[in-house]
N, C-alpha and C. Protein backbone atom coordinates (compact mmCIF):
# COMPACT_ATOMS: atom_id res chain seq x y z
N MET A 1 -13.77 20.83 -7.57
CA MET A 1 -12.54 20.64 -7.58
C MET A 1 -11.96 21.65 -6.51
N LYS A 2 -10.81 21.31 -5.94
CA LYS A 2 -10.14 22.01 -4.89
C LYS A 2 -8.59 22.11 -5.20
N ARG A 3 -8.11 23.22 -5.26
CA ARG A 3 -6.72 23.25 -5.23
C ARG A 3 -5.89 23.61 -3.93
N VAL A 4 -4.99 22.86 -3.66
CA VAL A 4 -4.24 22.84 -2.38
C VAL A 4 -2.97 23.15 -2.67
N ASP A 5 -2.31 24.52 -2.47
CA ASP A 5 -0.94 24.92 -2.57
C ASP A 5 -0.11 24.17 -1.69
N LYS A 6 1.09 23.68 -2.04
CA LYS A 6 2.11 23.07 -1.28
C LYS A 6 3.35 23.86 -1.43
N PRO A 7 4.28 23.60 -0.66
CA PRO A 7 5.68 24.30 -0.81
C PRO A 7 6.51 23.73 -2.11
N TRP A 8 6.07 22.67 -2.58
CA TRP A 8 6.71 22.01 -3.68
C TRP A 8 5.91 22.10 -5.03
N GLY A 9 4.70 22.68 -4.79
CA GLY A 9 3.88 22.94 -6.22
C GLY A 9 2.54 22.98 -5.74
N TYR A 10 1.59 22.01 -6.15
CA TYR A 10 0.10 22.05 -5.66
C TYR A 10 -0.41 20.63 -6.04
N GLU A 11 -1.62 20.45 -5.48
CA GLU A 11 -2.51 19.45 -5.64
C GLU A 11 -3.92 19.90 -6.02
N LEU A 12 -4.48 19.21 -7.03
CA LEU A 12 -5.90 19.42 -7.54
C LEU A 12 -6.62 18.21 -7.12
N TRP A 13 -7.57 18.43 -6.11
CA TRP A 13 -8.37 17.44 -5.68
C TRP A 13 -9.55 17.27 -6.36
N TRP A 14 -9.63 16.41 -7.42
CA TRP A 14 -10.83 16.10 -8.43
C TRP A 14 -11.84 15.16 -7.97
N ALA A 15 -11.66 14.61 -6.98
CA ALA A 15 -12.57 13.64 -6.39
C ALA A 15 -12.18 13.16 -4.92
N VAL A 16 -13.35 13.48 -4.09
CA VAL A 16 -13.03 13.25 -2.62
C VAL A 16 -14.47 12.63 -2.31
N THR A 17 -14.35 11.25 -1.91
CA THR A 17 -15.50 10.58 -1.29
C THR A 17 -15.25 9.82 -0.14
N ASP A 18 -16.15 8.95 0.44
CA ASP A 18 -15.82 8.19 1.56
C ASP A 18 -15.12 6.95 1.10
N ARG A 19 -15.02 6.63 -0.06
CA ARG A 19 -14.30 5.36 -0.47
C ARG A 19 -12.94 5.71 -1.14
N TYR A 20 -12.67 6.82 -1.70
CA TYR A 20 -11.50 6.97 -2.39
C TYR A 20 -11.34 8.60 -2.70
N VAL A 21 -10.03 8.98 -3.05
CA VAL A 21 -9.65 10.38 -3.30
C VAL A 21 -8.82 10.41 -4.63
N GLY A 22 -9.11 11.22 -5.48
CA GLY A 22 -8.44 11.34 -6.74
C GLY A 22 -7.71 12.86 -6.82
N LYS A 23 -6.47 12.81 -6.94
CA LYS A 23 -5.70 14.13 -6.91
C LYS A 23 -4.75 14.20 -8.34
N ILE A 24 -4.44 15.44 -8.66
CA ILE A 24 -3.43 15.65 -9.62
C ILE A 24 -2.38 16.52 -8.93
N LEU A 25 -1.21 15.91 -8.86
CA LEU A 25 -0.03 16.49 -8.09
C LEU A 25 0.90 17.25 -9.14
N PHE A 26 1.20 18.41 -8.90
CA PHE A 26 2.27 19.10 -9.73
C PHE A 26 3.46 19.47 -8.83
N VAL A 27 4.55 18.94 -9.20
CA VAL A 27 5.73 19.20 -8.47
C VAL A 27 6.71 19.91 -9.32
N ARG A 28 7.16 21.01 -8.73
CA ARG A 28 8.20 21.82 -9.55
C ARG A 28 9.51 21.04 -9.67
N ALA A 29 10.41 21.31 -10.77
CA ALA A 29 11.64 20.72 -10.87
C ALA A 29 12.53 21.02 -9.72
N GLY A 30 13.21 20.08 -8.99
CA GLY A 30 13.98 20.31 -7.89
C GLY A 30 13.41 20.25 -6.59
N GLN A 31 11.99 20.08 -6.49
CA GLN A 31 11.27 19.92 -5.24
C GLN A 31 11.05 18.71 -4.99
N ALA A 32 10.62 18.45 -3.75
CA ALA A 32 10.20 17.10 -3.32
C ALA A 32 9.15 16.97 -2.23
N LEU A 33 8.36 15.84 -2.32
CA LEU A 33 7.33 15.58 -1.21
C LEU A 33 8.04 15.11 -0.01
N SER A 34 7.68 15.10 0.99
CA SER A 34 8.08 14.48 2.32
C SER A 34 8.49 13.02 2.13
N LEU A 35 9.59 12.72 2.83
CA LEU A 35 9.78 11.35 3.07
C LEU A 35 8.70 10.83 4.04
N GLN A 36 7.84 9.98 3.74
CA GLN A 36 6.68 9.72 4.64
C GLN A 36 6.13 8.23 4.37
N TYR A 37 5.29 8.07 5.28
CA TYR A 37 4.43 6.76 5.14
C TYR A 37 3.05 6.98 5.64
N HIS A 38 2.09 6.11 5.41
CA HIS A 38 0.72 6.16 5.90
C HIS A 38 0.40 4.93 6.70
N GLU A 39 -0.30 5.10 7.81
CA GLU A 39 -0.61 3.91 8.63
C GLU A 39 -1.69 3.24 8.01
N ARG A 40 -2.77 3.84 7.42
CA ARG A 40 -3.79 3.12 6.87
C ARG A 40 -4.10 3.44 5.35
N LYS A 41 -3.67 4.52 4.81
CA LYS A 41 -3.99 5.02 3.48
C LYS A 41 -3.13 4.33 2.50
N ALA A 42 -3.70 3.89 1.38
CA ALA A 42 -3.18 3.27 0.26
C ALA A 42 -3.21 4.01 -0.98
N GLU A 43 -2.22 4.29 -1.74
CA GLU A 43 -1.98 5.04 -2.79
C GLU A 43 -1.64 4.53 -4.00
N SER A 44 -2.01 4.93 -5.23
CA SER A 44 -1.45 4.55 -6.64
C SER A 44 -1.27 5.70 -7.25
N MET A 45 -0.07 5.86 -8.01
CA MET A 45 0.38 6.92 -8.62
C MET A 45 0.69 6.61 -10.17
N TYR A 46 0.24 7.66 -11.07
CA TYR A 46 0.58 7.41 -12.42
C TYR A 46 1.21 8.68 -13.02
N CYS A 47 2.37 8.67 -13.65
CA CYS A 47 3.02 9.90 -14.12
C CYS A 47 2.44 10.17 -15.45
N LEU A 48 1.94 11.45 -15.51
CA LEU A 48 1.47 11.95 -16.68
C LEU A 48 2.56 12.58 -17.51
N SER A 49 3.33 13.42 -16.87
CA SER A 49 4.41 14.16 -17.75
C SER A 49 5.62 14.39 -16.52
N GLY A 50 6.81 14.53 -17.25
CA GLY A 50 8.08 14.96 -16.39
C GLY A 50 8.74 13.51 -15.98
N ARG A 51 9.71 13.86 -15.23
CA ARG A 51 10.52 12.87 -14.61
C ARG A 51 10.78 13.05 -13.23
N ALA A 52 10.66 11.82 -12.43
CA ALA A 52 11.01 12.11 -10.96
C ALA A 52 11.88 10.89 -10.45
N ARG A 53 12.42 11.17 -9.36
CA ARG A 53 13.14 10.02 -8.50
C ARG A 53 12.10 9.69 -7.51
N LEU A 54 11.82 8.39 -7.50
CA LEU A 54 10.78 7.75 -6.71
C LEU A 54 11.37 6.76 -5.57
N THR A 55 11.42 7.25 -4.25
CA THR A 55 11.87 6.34 -3.27
C THR A 55 10.93 5.50 -2.70
N LEU A 56 11.07 4.22 -2.60
CA LEU A 56 9.99 3.11 -2.18
C LEU A 56 10.81 2.30 -1.26
N GLY A 57 10.52 2.59 0.07
CA GLY A 57 11.29 1.82 1.09
C GLY A 57 12.83 1.98 0.78
N GLU A 58 13.71 0.89 0.61
CA GLU A 58 15.11 1.05 0.64
C GLU A 58 15.51 1.28 -0.90
N THR A 59 14.56 1.34 -1.89
CA THR A 59 15.03 1.35 -3.16
C THR A 59 14.53 2.77 -3.88
N THR A 60 15.45 3.18 -4.74
CA THR A 60 15.09 4.29 -5.72
C THR A 60 14.89 4.04 -7.06
N ARG A 61 14.09 4.62 -7.79
CA ARG A 61 13.89 4.48 -9.12
C ARG A 61 13.44 5.55 -10.00
N LEU A 62 13.62 5.65 -11.26
CA LEU A 62 13.06 6.73 -12.10
C LEU A 62 11.64 6.47 -12.34
N MET A 63 10.80 7.59 -12.24
CA MET A 63 9.47 7.67 -12.72
C MET A 63 9.29 8.49 -13.85
N ALA A 64 8.69 8.00 -15.04
CA ALA A 64 8.58 8.82 -16.28
C ALA A 64 7.09 8.56 -16.76
N PRO A 65 6.81 9.40 -17.60
CA PRO A 65 5.45 9.32 -18.28
C PRO A 65 5.08 7.95 -18.51
N GLY A 66 3.93 7.50 -18.08
CA GLY A 66 3.22 6.20 -18.48
C GLY A 66 3.54 5.10 -17.42
N GLU A 67 4.37 5.57 -16.41
CA GLU A 67 4.66 4.54 -15.37
C GLU A 67 3.62 4.81 -14.22
N ALA A 68 3.43 3.54 -13.60
CA ALA A 68 2.56 3.67 -12.27
C ALA A 68 3.20 2.88 -11.20
N VAL A 69 2.58 3.04 -9.96
CA VAL A 69 3.07 2.46 -8.85
C VAL A 69 2.21 2.44 -7.83
N ASP A 70 2.03 1.36 -7.06
CA ASP A 70 1.06 1.17 -5.93
C ASP A 70 1.98 1.34 -4.64
N ILE A 71 1.39 2.07 -3.64
CA ILE A 71 1.99 2.41 -2.37
C ILE A 71 1.22 1.87 -1.31
N PRO A 72 1.50 0.69 -0.68
CA PRO A 72 0.56 0.13 0.42
C PRO A 72 0.85 0.90 1.68
N PRO A 73 -0.07 0.86 2.64
CA PRO A 73 0.26 1.46 3.95
C PRO A 73 1.60 0.92 4.62
N GLY A 74 2.20 1.70 5.29
CA GLY A 74 3.54 1.37 5.87
C GLY A 74 4.78 1.61 5.10
N LEU A 75 4.48 1.65 3.79
CA LEU A 75 5.86 1.77 2.79
C LEU A 75 6.16 3.15 2.81
N VAL A 76 7.46 3.39 3.24
CA VAL A 76 8.03 4.80 3.05
C VAL A 76 8.44 5.06 1.89
N HIS A 77 7.94 6.40 1.54
CA HIS A 77 8.10 6.80 0.17
C HIS A 77 8.46 8.32 0.04
N ARG A 78 8.91 8.74 -1.17
CA ARG A 78 9.01 10.07 -1.58
C ARG A 78 9.28 10.25 -3.07
N LEU A 79 8.68 11.34 -3.52
CA LEU A 79 8.89 11.80 -4.90
C LEU A 79 9.64 13.00 -5.09
N GLU A 80 10.67 13.03 -5.91
CA GLU A 80 11.47 14.20 -6.08
C GLU A 80 11.43 14.44 -7.50
N ALA A 81 10.96 15.63 -7.95
CA ALA A 81 10.95 16.13 -9.24
C ALA A 81 12.27 16.40 -9.95
N LEU A 82 12.73 15.73 -10.96
CA LEU A 82 13.97 15.99 -11.67
C LEU A 82 13.52 17.19 -12.84
N GLU A 83 12.34 17.23 -13.21
CA GLU A 83 11.90 18.31 -14.03
C GLU A 83 10.49 18.41 -13.56
N ASP A 84 9.85 19.56 -13.99
CA ASP A 84 8.44 19.59 -13.72
C ASP A 84 7.74 18.44 -13.85
N VAL A 85 6.94 17.93 -12.99
CA VAL A 85 6.37 16.59 -13.05
C VAL A 85 4.87 16.67 -12.58
N THR A 86 3.96 15.95 -13.53
CA THR A 86 2.49 15.98 -13.06
C THR A 86 2.23 14.55 -12.93
N VAL A 87 1.53 14.20 -11.85
CA VAL A 87 1.13 12.90 -11.43
C VAL A 87 -0.12 12.64 -10.95
N VAL A 88 -1.01 11.54 -11.50
CA VAL A 88 -2.16 11.44 -10.93
C VAL A 88 -2.20 10.45 -9.94
N GLU A 89 -2.86 10.86 -8.58
CA GLU A 89 -2.74 10.00 -7.49
C GLU A 89 -4.09 9.59 -7.14
N VAL A 90 -4.49 8.37 -6.89
CA VAL A 90 -5.68 7.79 -6.36
C VAL A 90 -5.43 6.99 -4.93
N SER A 91 -6.21 7.40 -4.01
CA SER A 91 -6.03 6.78 -2.84
C SER A 91 -7.17 6.48 -2.05
N THR A 92 -7.07 5.66 -0.90
CA THR A 92 -8.05 5.51 0.11
C THR A 92 -8.31 6.86 0.76
N PRO A 93 -9.49 7.14 1.39
CA PRO A 93 -9.75 8.48 1.87
C PRO A 93 -9.09 9.08 3.07
N GLU A 94 -8.21 8.40 3.65
CA GLU A 94 -7.56 8.99 4.83
C GLU A 94 -6.61 10.11 4.69
N LEU A 95 -7.20 11.36 4.41
CA LEU A 95 -6.33 12.33 3.92
C LEU A 95 -5.41 12.96 5.09
N ASP A 96 -5.85 12.69 6.30
CA ASP A 96 -4.93 13.09 7.44
C ASP A 96 -3.92 12.06 8.00
N ASP A 97 -3.73 11.08 7.07
CA ASP A 97 -2.93 9.83 7.74
C ASP A 97 -1.48 10.11 6.89
N VAL A 98 -0.80 11.02 7.44
CA VAL A 98 0.64 11.16 6.80
C VAL A 98 1.70 11.41 8.04
N VAL A 99 2.66 10.44 8.06
CA VAL A 99 3.65 10.37 8.92
C VAL A 99 4.92 10.88 8.24
N ARG A 100 5.35 12.11 8.41
CA ARG A 100 6.56 12.61 7.71
C ARG A 100 7.80 12.44 8.60
N LEU A 101 8.78 11.73 7.90
CA LEU A 101 10.02 11.27 8.47
C LEU A 101 11.12 12.38 8.27
N GLU A 102 10.92 13.11 7.09
CA GLU A 102 11.85 14.11 6.73
C GLU A 102 11.20 15.09 5.66
N ASP A 103 11.52 16.40 5.81
CA ASP A 103 10.69 17.41 4.96
C ASP A 103 11.61 18.54 4.78
N ARG A 104 11.92 18.89 3.54
CA ARG A 104 12.64 20.28 3.32
C ARG A 104 11.97 21.33 3.65
N TYR A 105 10.66 21.32 3.99
CA TYR A 105 10.03 22.56 4.15
C TYR A 105 9.63 22.75 5.68
N GLY A 106 10.27 21.91 6.69
CA GLY A 106 9.94 22.05 8.20
C GLY A 106 8.60 21.35 8.69
N ARG A 107 8.03 20.55 8.00
CA ARG A 107 6.78 19.83 8.25
C ARG A 107 6.99 18.52 8.95
N GLN A 108 7.71 18.23 9.79
CA GLN A 108 8.00 16.97 10.25
C GLN A 108 6.81 16.60 11.10
N GLY A 109 6.88 15.13 11.49
CA GLY A 109 5.80 14.50 12.20
C GLY A 109 4.48 14.03 11.54
N THR A 110 3.55 13.81 12.42
CA THR A 110 2.18 13.55 11.99
C THR A 110 1.39 14.69 11.68
N SER A 111 0.83 14.80 10.70
CA SER A 111 -0.05 15.98 10.32
C SER A 111 -1.25 15.82 9.26
N ALA A 112 -2.04 16.62 9.26
CA ALA A 112 -3.20 16.76 8.34
C ALA A 112 -2.49 17.50 6.99
N PRO A 113 -3.39 17.25 5.94
CA PRO A 113 -2.81 17.83 4.60
C PRO A 113 -2.73 19.32 4.72
């Protein structure tokens, strides 16, 4: 297992294979991931605890414990923690496939994790 510290919290990478990646994301209250999309990477998220505002394309919705969402390649998305939130994320293995459109922490553009 690998911990990756982020400006919004951290990720625990609990499975990294050539076919899929499993992570646990912890996002501190008031913090947000980049407004982003992926060219090849597909993700699925499941909320374990806390509440977040989830942007998917042109829509925004609340994500609460027990809710899940699939994010196909090309869909612009962002998770904003309304309170401390823990999310399980499973994705295809393209870890460097992130196109950031907007970021509170100055990480614009295409980048690696």
